[in-house]
Amino acid sequence: MKIQYLGHASLLIEAAGERLVVDPFITGNPMANGKIDVNAIKADYILVTHAHQDHILDVERIAANNPGIMLVSNFEIVNYFGQRGIQGHPMNHGGSWHFDFGRLTYVNAIHTSSFPDGSYGGQPGGFVIESEGKALYIAGDTALTYDMKIVPMIARLDAAILPVGDNFTMGPEGAAMAADFLGLDRIVGYHFDTFDLIKIDHGRAYDAFAKQGKELILPEIGDIFEL
């Protein structure tokens, strides 16, 4: 499994020969300008954790450039984009489904979820992706929650991507505690620095993890990780 960080909370994952875009927010991210060409993205699936604009902005653009793409999210988000001609597979918390790339489980997140037009976006979530003998947890926008202790019971995790920007989600201290809940010593952080309200002190963030005997990775846009 290969994971590329596209900025903010956006990811491009290659798994079992399929390409998955998670929470595409590229054209609205000034930090991604000149680094990521949204029109060059080739994908088979779009995974959406919740309906906020900074997670769905480029869904329709990517879908238009990739005919036949499948959107996977909660019922409300799939229905919303279905009315715009994008085929989808609806899920809800605790449910799993086997796709071409592997098994996907939709797990709990504590946040809010509404579309830019104010319509209801259902309950937010995160994803556990099991593919090629590996398991990846993508938390989405969330507070620290005791439910994270359940995640490694779903699958033995090899990696997790957690929000660390604070203010709208948990910050580095909460993410370090989440790492302990997940049974992981190393975490990739995302959802940080894009806007003033989520700019973080990188040194403090690293220290928060070090105090727990953990390691935090704060990726640069375009960085690639392999599991």
Protein backbone atom coordinates (compact mmCIF):
# COMPACT_ATOMS: atom_id res chain seq x y z
CA MET A 1 0.00 0.00 0.00
CA LYS A 2 1.36 3.40 -1.01
CA ILE A 3 0.12 6.68 0.50
CA GLN A 4 0.78 10.16 -0.87
CA TYR A 5 -0.02 13.27 1.15
CA LEU A 6 -1.84 15.81 -1.03
CA GLY A 7 -2.13 18.45 1.68
CA HIS A 8 -4.56 19.28 4.50
CA ALA A 9 -6.57 16.03 4.93
CA SER A 10 -6.24 14.82 1.34
CA LEU A 11 -4.54 11.56 0.47
CA LEU A 12 -3.92 9.42 -2.60
CA ILE A 13 -3.66 5.73 -1.80
CA GLU A 14 -2.60 2.92 -4.12
CA ALA A 15 -3.81 -0.48 -2.93
CA ALA A 16 -4.14 -3.76 -4.80
CA GLY A 17 -3.93 -2.00 -8.15
CA GLU A 18 -6.63 0.55 -7.29
CA ARG A 19 -6.23 4.26 -6.59
CA LEU A 20 -8.20 5.94 -3.80
CA VAL A 21 -8.48 9.68 -3.17
CA VAL A 22 -9.44 10.62 0.37
CA ASP A 23 -11.14 13.95 1.22
CA PRO A 24 -10.00 15.91 -1.85
CA PHE A 25 -9.33 19.56 -1.02
CA ILE A 26 -6.62 20.76 -3.38
CA THR A 27 -7.76 23.73 -5.47
CA GLY A 28 -8.80 25.59 -2.31
CA ASN A 29 -5.53 24.90 -0.50
CA PRO A 30 -2.96 27.65 -1.20
CA MET A 31 -0.21 25.41 0.19
CA ALA A 32 -0.86 22.90 -2.62
CA ASN A 33 -0.53 25.45 -5.44
CA GLY A 34 2.16 24.35 -7.86
CA LYS A 35 2.65 21.07 -6.00
CA ILE A 36 -0.48 19.05 -6.82
CA ASP A 37 -2.38 19.17 -10.14
CA VAL A 38 -5.90 18.07 -9.34
CA ASN A 39 -6.65 17.51 -13.03
CA ALA A 40 -3.81 14.99 -13.27
CA ILE A 41 -5.17 12.77 -10.50
CA LYS A 42 -6.23 9.34 -11.69
CA ALA A 43 -8.47 7.48 -9.28
CA ASP A 44 -10.92 4.59 -9.01
CA TYR A 45 -12.49 5.60 -5.69
CA ILE A 46 -13.11 8.71 -3.63
CA LEU A 47 -13.45 8.23 0.13
CA VAL A 48 -15.09 11.06 2.06
CA THR A 49 -15.08 11.24 5.87
CA HIS A 50 -17.57 14.12 6.20
CA ALA A 51 -19.22 16.94 4.26
CA HIS A 52 -17.23 20.03 5.20
CA GLN A 53 -15.90 22.02 2.24
CA ASP A 54 -12.26 21.39 3.15
CA HIS A 55 -12.91 17.68 2.57
CA ILE A 56 -15.18 17.63 -0.50
CA LEU A 57 -14.22 20.67 -2.59
CA ASP A 58 -12.70 18.70 -5.49
CA VAL A 59 -14.97 15.64 -5.45
CA GLU A 60 -16.93 16.69 -8.53
CA ARG A 61 -13.83 17.79 -10.45
CA ILE A 62 -12.03 14.50 -9.83
CA ALA A 63 -15.16 12.52 -10.67
CA ALA A 64 -15.55 14.42 -13.96
CA ASN A 65 -11.95 13.56 -14.86
CA ASN A 66 -12.37 9.89 -13.93
CA PRO A 67 -15.57 8.45 -15.44
CA GLY A 68 -16.86 5.44 -13.54
CA ILE A 69 -15.26 6.46 -10.25
CA MET A 70 -16.99 5.24 -7.07
CA LEU A 71 -17.59 7.51 -4.07
CA VAL A 72 -17.67 5.82 -0.67
CA SER A 73 -19.02 7.62 2.38
CA ASN A 74 -22.06 7.76 4.63
CA PHE A 75 -25.57 7.57 3.16
CA GLU A 76 -26.19 11.32 3.19
CA ILE A 77 -22.97 12.21 1.36
CA VAL A 78 -23.40 9.45 -1.20
CA ASN A 79 -26.99 10.60 -1.81
CA TYR A 80 -25.90 14.25 -2.16
CA PHE A 81 -23.32 13.47 -4.83
CA GLY A 82 -25.56 10.85 -6.41
CA GLN A 83 -27.96 13.65 -7.27
CA ARG A 84 -25.03 15.22 -9.11
CA GLY A 85 -24.40 12.13 -11.20
CA ILE A 86 -21.64 10.48 -9.17
CA GLN A 87 -22.16 6.81 -8.37
CA GLY A 88 -21.56 5.83 -4.79
CA HIS A 89 -21.53 3.13 -2.16
CA PRO A 90 -23.19 4.21 1.12
CA MET A 91 -21.89 3.01 4.50
CA ASN A 92 -22.48 3.72 8.15
CA HIS A 93 -20.64 3.32 11.43
CA GLY A 94 -19.41 -0.17 12.21
CA GLY A 95 -20.12 -1.46 8.71
CA SER A 96 -17.53 -3.13 6.47
CA TRP A 97 -17.50 -3.90 2.77
CA HIS A 98 -15.12 -5.72 0.44
CA PHE A 99 -14.11 -3.56 -2.53
CA ASP A 100 -11.64 -4.30 -5.32
CA PHE A 101 -8.85 -2.81 -3.20
CA GLY A 102 -9.72 -4.72 -0.03
CA ARG A 103 -11.89 -4.44 3.05
CA LEU A 104 -13.10 -1.04 4.23
CA THR A 105 -14.67 -0.34 7.62
CA TYR A 106 -16.43 2.93 8.46
CA VAL A 107 -15.64 3.90 12.05
CA ASN A 108 -16.70 6.59 14.49
CA ALA A 109 -15.44 10.17 14.56
CA ILE A 110 -16.56 13.03 16.80
CA HIS A 111 -17.01 16.19 14.75
CA THR A 112 -19.78 17.94 12.78
CA SER A 113 -20.79 17.48 9.15
CA SER A 114 -22.69 19.79 6.83
CA PHE A 115 -22.33 20.79 3.19
CA PRO A 116 -21.34 24.33 2.19
CA ASP A 117 -24.98 24.98 1.23
CA GLY A 118 -26.03 24.15 4.79
CA SER A 119 -27.61 20.77 4.04
CA TYR A 120 -27.10 17.86 6.39
CA GLY A 121 -24.00 15.76 5.78
CA GLY A 122 -24.77 12.85 8.07
CA GLN A 123 -22.51 11.75 10.90
CA PRO A 124 -18.74 12.06 10.34
CA GLY A 125 -16.53 9.00 10.29
CA GLY A 126 -13.12 7.54 9.65
CA PHE A 127 -11.89 4.55 7.68
CA VAL A 128 -9.93 1.37 8.31
CA ILE A 129 -8.48 0.08 5.04
CA GLU A 130 -7.24 -3.51 4.91
CA SER A 131 -5.34 -4.34 1.74
CA GLU A 132 -2.32 -6.37 0.66
CA GLY A 133 -1.92 -7.75 4.18
CA LYS A 134 -1.71 -4.27 5.74
CA ALA A 135 -4.17 -2.16 7.72
CA LEU A 136 -4.37 1.64 7.72
CA TYR A 137 -6.57 3.82 9.95
CA ILE A 138 -7.59 7.25 8.62
CA ALA A 139 -9.26 9.09 11.47
CA GLY A 140 -10.87 11.98 9.60
CA ASP A 141 -11.67 15.10 11.61
CA THR A 142 -12.22 13.99 15.16
CA ALA A 143 -11.71 14.67 18.81
CA LEU A 144 -9.83 12.15 20.88
CA THR A 145 -12.38 9.44 21.60
CA TYR A 146 -12.30 6.28 23.68
CA ASP A 147 -13.83 4.51 20.67
CA MET A 148 -10.33 4.52 19.15
CA LYS A 149 -9.52 1.62 21.45
CA ILE A 150 -11.87 -0.46 19.30
CA VAL A 151 -10.05 0.28 16.04
CA PRO A 152 -7.11 -2.14 16.55
CA MET A 153 -9.67 -4.81 17.43
CA ILE A 154 -11.09 -4.43 13.92
CA ALA A 155 -7.68 -4.97 12.34
CA ARG A 156 -4.10 -5.10 13.55
CA LEU A 157 -2.94 -1.66 12.45
CA ASP A 158 0.27 -1.00 10.58
CA ALA A 159 -0.21 2.77 10.44
CA ALA A 160 -2.60 5.57 11.34
CA ILE A 161 -3.16 9.09 10.04
CA LEU A 162 -4.56 11.45 12.66
CA PRO A 163 -5.51 15.14 12.74
CA VAL A 164 -3.16 17.24 14.84
CA GLY A 165 -4.19 20.82 14.03
CA ASP A 166 -6.17 21.42 17.23
CA ASN A 167 -9.08 23.92 17.44
CA PHE A 168 -11.42 21.96 15.12
CA THR A 169 -9.97 18.51 15.95
CA MET A 170 -7.68 17.01 18.55
CA GLY A 171 -4.24 18.56 18.80
CA PRO A 172 -0.84 16.91 19.14
CA GLU A 173 -1.36 16.00 22.80
CA GLY A 174 -4.65 14.28 22.03
CA ALA A 175 -3.17 12.54 19.00
CA ALA A 176 -0.31 11.21 21.15
CA MET A 177 -2.89 9.69 23.49
CA ALA A 178 -4.74 8.29 20.47
CA ALA A 179 -1.53 6.61 19.35
CA ASP A 180 -1.49 4.78 22.67
CA PHE A 181 -5.13 3.74 22.24
CA LEU A 182 -4.26 2.41 18.78
CA GLY A 183 -1.20 0.49 19.94
CA LEU A 184 1.12 2.39 17.59
CA ASP A 185 4.47 4.04 18.25
CA ARG A 186 4.50 6.16 15.08
CA ILE A 187 1.74 8.37 13.68
CA VAL A 188 1.39 10.47 10.53
CA GLY A 189 -0.27 13.79 11.27
CA TYR A 190 -2.55 15.73 8.97
CA HIS A 191 -5.11 18.55 9.06
CA PHE A 192 -2.58 21.11 10.27
CA ASP A 193 -1.13 24.48 9.13
CA THR A 194 -3.55 25.01 6.21
CA PHE A 195 -5.39 27.87 7.93
CA ASP A 196 -4.43 30.23 10.75
CA LEU A 197 -6.74 28.46 13.19
CA ILE A 198 -4.94 25.14 12.74
CA LYS A 199 -1.34 26.32 12.55
CA ILE A 200 0.74 24.43 15.08
CA ASP A 201 4.14 24.68 16.72
CA HIS A 202 5.95 21.73 15.14
CA GLY A 203 8.52 21.49 17.92
CA ARG A 204 5.81 21.33 20.57
CA ALA A 205 3.95 18.70 18.54
CA TYR A 206 7.04 16.49 18.28
CA ASP A 207 7.67 16.92 22.01
CA ALA A 208 4.11 15.89 22.87
CA PHE A 209 4.73 12.58 21.15
CA ALA A 210 8.25 12.14 22.51
CA LYS A 211 6.94 12.49 26.07
CA GLN A 212 4.74 9.47 25.39
CA GLY A 213 7.60 7.52 23.79
CA LYS A 214 5.97 8.01 20.37
CA GLU A 215 7.05 9.48 17.03
CA LEU A 216 5.07 12.00 15.00
CA ILE A 217 5.58 12.53 11.27
CA LEU A 218 4.39 15.85 9.86
CA PRO A 219 4.52 15.30 6.10
CA GLU A 220 5.26 17.80 3.37
CA ILE A 221 2.78 18.00 0.48
CA GLY A 222 3.69 15.32 -2.03
CA ASP A 223 5.46 13.04 0.47
CA ILE A 224 4.94 9.31 -0.11
CA PHE A 225 4.82 6.53 2.48
CA GLU A 226 4.74 2.79 1.84
CA LEU A 227 3.32 0.04 4.05
